[in-house]
Amino acid sequence: MIEYYAKVQGQDLEIIDIVESQIQELGNIDKNGDIFRYPTSYSLEYRFDNIDIDLKNVYEFMQGIFNFCDGCDSEFEVVAEWESDMQTEMAQYADWY
């Protein structure tokens, strides 16, 4: 759906490919979505024992994905509002017949 509206508007699809690869990379690192949420596994083993994490880089990486998704959400809201307006307008014309 994102690609469809990007193509309709003549936008470059490269950013979509970049974000998609970032999301896939995140999925490869954290398949269950809990590595950064909980410091230990269920067996109480530390996940990042003796591993340095560049939190600024992780933050910027995630912020980029969030910003892209937020922009897509805003675009979908605009499209939904436009479709609703068109349905309302068409319903007004249907009353004439």
N, C-alpha and C. Protein backbone atom coordinates (compact mmCIF):
# COMPACT_ATOMS: atom_id res chain seq x y z
N MET A 1 0.82 -1.18 0.00
CA MET A 1 0.00 0.00 0.00
C MET A 1 0.87 1.26 0.00
N ILE A 2 1.95 1.22 0.75
CA ILE A 2 2.87 2.37 0.81
C ILE A 2 3.48 2.59 -0.57
N GLU A 3 3.92 1.50 -1.20
CA GLU A 3 4.52 1.62 -2.53
C GLU A 3 3.50 2.14 -3.55
N TYR A 4 2.27 1.68 -3.45
CA TYR A 4 1.23 2.12 -4.38
C TYR A 4 1.08 3.64 -4.35
N TYR A 5 0.90 4.20 -3.16
CA TYR A 5 0.69 5.64 -3.06
C TYR A 5 1.96 6.42 -3.41
N ALA A 6 3.12 5.85 -3.12
CA ALA A 6 4.37 6.51 -3.51
C ALA A 6 4.49 6.56 -5.03
N LYS A 7 4.14 5.47 -5.70
CA LYS A 7 4.19 5.45 -7.17
C LYS A 7 3.19 6.42 -7.77
N VAL A 8 1.98 6.46 -7.20
CA VAL A 8 0.94 7.36 -7.71
C VAL A 8 1.41 8.82 -7.64
N GLN A 9 2.14 9.14 -6.58
CA GLN A 9 2.60 10.52 -6.39
C GLN A 9 3.94 10.78 -7.07
N GLY A 10 4.50 9.75 -7.71
CA GLY A 10 5.77 9.91 -8.41
C GLY A 10 6.97 10.05 -7.49
N GLN A 11 6.87 9.49 -6.30
CA GLN A 11 7.97 9.59 -5.34
C GLN A 11 8.99 8.48 -5.57
N ASP A 12 10.20 8.72 -5.10
CA ASP A 12 11.27 7.74 -5.20
C ASP A 12 11.00 6.60 -4.23
N LEU A 13 11.10 5.37 -4.70
CA LEU A 13 10.81 4.20 -3.87
C LEU A 13 12.03 3.72 -3.08
N GLU A 14 13.17 4.36 -3.27
CA GLU A 14 14.40 3.92 -2.60
C GLU A 14 14.26 3.97 -1.08
N ILE A 15 13.62 5.01 -0.56
CA ILE A 15 13.47 5.13 0.90
C ILE A 15 12.66 3.98 1.46
N ILE A 16 11.67 3.52 0.69
CA ILE A 16 10.86 2.39 1.14
C ILE A 16 11.72 1.14 1.24
N ASP A 17 12.58 0.93 0.25
CA ASP A 17 13.48 -0.23 0.28
C ASP A 17 14.45 -0.15 1.45
N ILE A 18 14.93 1.05 1.74
CA ILE A 18 15.86 1.24 2.86
C ILE A 18 15.18 0.91 4.18
N VAL A 19 13.99 1.45 4.39
CA VAL A 19 13.27 1.20 5.65
C VAL A 19 12.90 -0.28 5.76
N GLU A 20 12.51 -0.88 4.65
CA GLU A 20 12.18 -2.31 4.68
C GLU A 20 13.39 -3.15 5.09
N SER A 21 14.57 -2.81 4.57
CA SER A 21 15.77 -3.56 4.95
C SER A 21 16.14 -3.31 6.41
N GLN A 22 15.89 -2.09 6.91
CA GLN A 22 16.15 -1.80 8.32
C GLN A 22 15.22 -2.62 9.22
N ILE A 23 13.96 -2.72 8.84
CA ILE A 23 13.01 -3.50 9.64
C ILE A 23 13.38 -4.98 9.61
N GLN A 24 13.81 -5.48 8.45
CA GLN A 24 14.25 -6.87 8.37
C GLN A 24 15.48 -7.11 9.23
N GLU A 25 16.41 -6.15 9.22
CA GLU A 25 17.60 -6.27 10.05
C GLU A 25 17.24 -6.32 11.53
N LEU A 26 16.31 -5.47 11.92
CA LEU A 26 15.85 -5.47 13.31
C LEU A 26 15.19 -6.80 13.65
N GLY A 27 14.42 -7.35 12.73
CA GLY A 27 13.79 -8.65 12.94
C GLY A 27 14.81 -9.77 13.08
N ASN A 28 15.92 -9.68 12.34
CA ASN A 28 16.97 -10.69 12.46
C ASN A 28 17.69 -10.61 13.80
N ILE A 29 17.85 -9.39 14.31
CA ILE A 29 18.53 -9.20 15.59
C ILE A 29 17.63 -9.61 16.75
N ASP A 30 16.36 -9.24 16.67
CA ASP A 30 15.44 -9.42 17.80
C ASP A 30 14.14 -10.06 17.31
N LYS A 31 14.20 -11.36 17.05
CA LYS A 31 13.06 -12.08 16.48
C LYS A 31 11.80 -12.03 17.35
N ASN A 32 11.96 -12.05 18.66
CA ASN A 32 10.80 -12.06 19.57
C ASN A 32 10.42 -10.67 20.07
N GLY A 33 11.22 -9.67 19.74
CA GLY A 33 10.91 -8.31 20.17
C GLY A 33 11.13 -8.05 21.65
N ASP A 34 12.01 -8.81 22.27
CA ASP A 34 12.20 -8.64 23.71
C ASP A 34 13.65 -8.43 24.13
N ILE A 35 14.58 -8.46 23.19
CA ILE A 35 16.00 -8.35 23.56
C ILE A 35 16.30 -7.01 24.22
N PHE A 36 15.77 -5.92 23.67
CA PHE A 36 16.05 -4.60 24.24
C PHE A 36 15.08 -4.26 25.36
N ARG A 37 14.05 -5.04 25.52
CA ARG A 37 13.04 -4.76 26.54
C ARG A 37 13.42 -5.35 27.89
N TYR A 38 14.01 -6.53 27.88
CA TYR A 38 14.35 -7.22 29.13
C TYR A 38 15.84 -7.50 29.15
N PRO A 39 16.51 -7.23 30.27
CA PRO A 39 17.97 -7.39 30.32
C PRO A 39 18.42 -8.85 30.37
N THR A 40 17.52 -9.76 30.76
CA THR A 40 17.90 -11.17 30.86
C THR A 40 16.93 -12.05 30.09
N SER A 41 17.40 -13.25 29.79
CA SER A 41 16.53 -14.24 29.16
C SER A 41 15.66 -14.88 30.25
N TYR A 42 14.79 -15.81 29.85
CA TYR A 42 13.94 -16.49 30.83
C TYR A 42 14.77 -17.31 31.82
N SER A 43 15.95 -17.73 31.38
CA SER A 43 16.83 -18.48 32.29
C SER A 43 17.76 -17.56 33.07
N LEU A 44 17.46 -16.27 33.07
CA LEU A 44 18.19 -15.24 33.82
C LEU A 44 19.63 -15.05 33.36
N GLU A 45 19.90 -15.31 32.10
CA GLU A 45 21.22 -15.04 31.53
C GLU A 45 21.18 -13.64 30.91
N TYR A 46 22.22 -12.85 31.20
CA TYR A 46 22.27 -11.51 30.64
C TYR A 46 22.41 -11.58 29.13
N ARG A 47 21.63 -10.79 28.45
CA ARG A 47 21.65 -10.80 26.98
C ARG A 47 22.87 -10.05 26.43
N PHE A 48 23.28 -9.00 27.10
CA PHE A 48 24.37 -8.17 26.59
C PHE A 48 25.55 -8.18 27.55
N ASP A 49 25.91 -9.34 28.02
CA ASP A 49 27.03 -9.46 28.94
C ASP A 49 28.33 -9.14 28.19
N ASN A 50 29.05 -8.13 28.67
CA ASN A 50 30.32 -7.69 28.09
C ASN A 50 30.19 -7.24 26.63
N ILE A 51 29.05 -6.69 26.27
CA ILE A 51 28.85 -6.17 24.92
C ILE A 51 28.52 -4.68 25.04
N ASP A 52 29.26 -3.87 24.30
CA ASP A 52 28.99 -2.44 24.28
C ASP A 52 27.91 -2.16 23.24
N ILE A 53 26.95 -1.34 23.61
CA ILE A 53 25.87 -0.96 22.71
C ILE A 53 25.90 0.55 22.54
N ASP A 54 25.92 0.98 21.31
CA ASP A 54 25.89 2.40 21.00
C ASP A 54 24.43 2.86 21.04
N LEU A 55 23.99 3.31 22.21
CA LEU A 55 22.59 3.66 22.40
C LEU A 55 22.15 4.82 21.51
N LYS A 56 23.05 5.75 21.25
CA LYS A 56 22.71 6.86 20.37
C LYS A 56 22.40 6.34 18.97
N ASN A 57 23.21 5.41 18.49
CA ASN A 57 22.98 4.83 17.17
C ASN A 57 21.68 4.03 17.14
N VAL A 58 21.41 3.25 18.18
CA VAL A 58 20.16 2.49 18.26
C VAL A 58 18.97 3.45 18.26
N TYR A 59 19.08 4.53 19.03
CA TYR A 59 18.01 5.52 19.10
C TYR A 59 17.76 6.15 17.73
N GLU A 60 18.82 6.57 17.06
CA GLU A 60 18.66 7.22 15.76
C GLU A 60 18.11 6.24 14.72
N PHE A 61 18.54 4.99 14.79
CA PHE A 61 18.05 3.94 13.89
C PHE A 61 16.55 3.76 14.07
N MET A 62 16.12 3.61 15.32
CA MET A 62 14.70 3.41 15.61
C MET A 62 13.89 4.67 15.31
N GLN A 63 14.45 5.83 15.61
CA GLN A 63 13.74 7.09 15.35
C GLN A 63 13.48 7.26 13.86
N GLY A 64 14.44 6.86 13.03
CA GLY A 64 14.24 6.94 11.59
C GLY A 64 13.08 6.07 11.12
N ILE A 65 13.01 4.85 11.65
CA ILE A 65 11.90 3.95 11.30
C ILE A 65 10.58 4.53 11.80
N PHE A 66 10.57 5.02 13.04
CA PHE A 66 9.34 5.61 13.60
C PHE A 66 8.87 6.80 12.77
N ASN A 67 9.80 7.67 12.39
CA ASN A 67 9.44 8.85 11.60
C ASN A 67 8.83 8.46 10.26
N PHE A 68 9.43 7.46 9.62
CA PHE A 68 8.90 6.99 8.34
C PHE A 68 7.48 6.44 8.52
N CYS A 69 7.30 5.60 9.52
CA CYS A 69 5.98 5.00 9.77
C CYS A 69 4.95 6.07 10.15
N ASP A 70 5.38 7.07 10.90
CA ASP A 70 4.48 8.17 11.27
C ASP A 70 4.05 8.95 10.03
N GLY A 71 4.99 9.18 9.12
CA GLY A 71 4.67 9.85 7.87
C GLY A 71 3.69 9.05 7.03
N CYS A 72 3.89 7.73 6.99
CA CYS A 72 2.96 6.86 6.26
C CYS A 72 1.57 6.92 6.89
N ASP A 73 1.52 6.91 8.20
CA ASP A 73 0.24 6.99 8.90
C ASP A 73 -0.48 8.29 8.55
N SER A 74 0.26 9.38 8.52
CA SER A 74 -0.34 10.68 8.17
C SER A 74 -0.87 10.66 6.74
N GLU A 75 -0.10 10.05 5.84
CA GLU A 75 -0.54 9.96 4.44
C GLU A 75 -1.82 9.13 4.33
N PHE A 76 -1.88 8.03 5.06
CA PHE A 76 -3.08 7.18 5.02
C PHE A 76 -4.30 7.90 5.59
N GLU A 77 -4.08 8.73 6.61
CA GLU A 77 -5.19 9.52 7.15
C GLU A 77 -5.72 10.51 6.12
N VAL A 78 -4.81 11.13 5.37
CA VAL A 78 -5.22 12.07 4.33
C VAL A 78 -6.01 11.34 3.25
N VAL A 79 -5.52 10.17 2.84
CA VAL A 79 -6.22 9.38 1.82
C VAL A 79 -7.60 8.97 2.31
N ALA A 80 -7.68 8.50 3.56
CA ALA A 80 -8.98 8.07 4.11
C ALA A 80 -9.95 9.24 4.18
N GLU A 81 -9.45 10.41 4.57
CA GLU A 81 -10.32 11.59 4.64
C GLU A 81 -10.81 11.98 3.25
N TRP A 82 -9.90 11.94 2.26
CA TRP A 82 -10.29 12.27 0.89
C TRP A 82 -11.34 11.29 0.38
N GLU A 83 -11.13 9.98 0.62
CA GLU A 83 -12.10 8.98 0.19
C GLU A 83 -13.46 9.21 0.85
N SER A 84 -13.45 9.55 2.12
CA SER A 84 -14.70 9.83 2.83
C SER A 84 -15.40 11.04 2.24
N ASP A 85 -14.63 12.09 1.94
CA ASP A 85 -15.21 13.28 1.32
C ASP A 85 -15.82 12.96 -0.04
N MET A 86 -15.14 12.13 -0.82
CA MET A 86 -15.65 11.77 -2.14
C MET A 86 -16.93 10.94 -2.03
N GLN A 87 -16.98 10.04 -1.06
CA GLN A 87 -18.19 9.24 -0.86
C GLN A 87 -19.37 10.14 -0.46
N THR A 88 -19.10 11.10 0.40
CA THR A 88 -20.15 12.04 0.82
C THR A 88 -20.64 12.85 -0.37
N GLU A 89 -19.70 13.33 -1.17
CA GLU A 89 -20.08 14.12 -2.33
C GLU A 89 -20.87 13.28 -3.34
N MET A 90 -20.44 12.06 -3.57
CA MET A 90 -21.16 11.19 -4.51
C MET A 90 -22.55 10.85 -3.99
N ALA A 91 -22.69 10.70 -2.69
CA ALA A 91 -24.00 10.42 -2.10
C ALA A 91 -24.95 11.60 -2.32
N GLN A 92 -24.41 12.81 -2.31
CA GLN A 92 -25.24 13.99 -2.57
C GLN A 92 -25.78 13.98 -4.00
N TYR A 93 -24.93 13.56 -4.93
CA TYR A 93 -25.37 13.49 -6.33
C TYR A 93 -26.38 12.37 -6.54
N ALA A 94 -26.25 11.30 -5.76
CA ALA A 94 -27.17 10.17 -5.90
C ALA A 94 -28.59 10.57 -5.50
N ASP A 95 -28.72 11.55 -4.64
CA ASP A 95 -30.05 12.01 -4.21
C ASP A 95 -30.82 12.68 -5.34
N TRP A 96 -30.12 13.15 -6.35
CA TRP A 96 -30.78 13.85 -7.46
C TRP A 96 -31.55 12.90 -8.37
N TYR A 97 -31.19 11.61 -8.34
CA TYR A 97 -31.83 10.67 -9.27
C TYR A 97 -33.00 10.01 -8.67
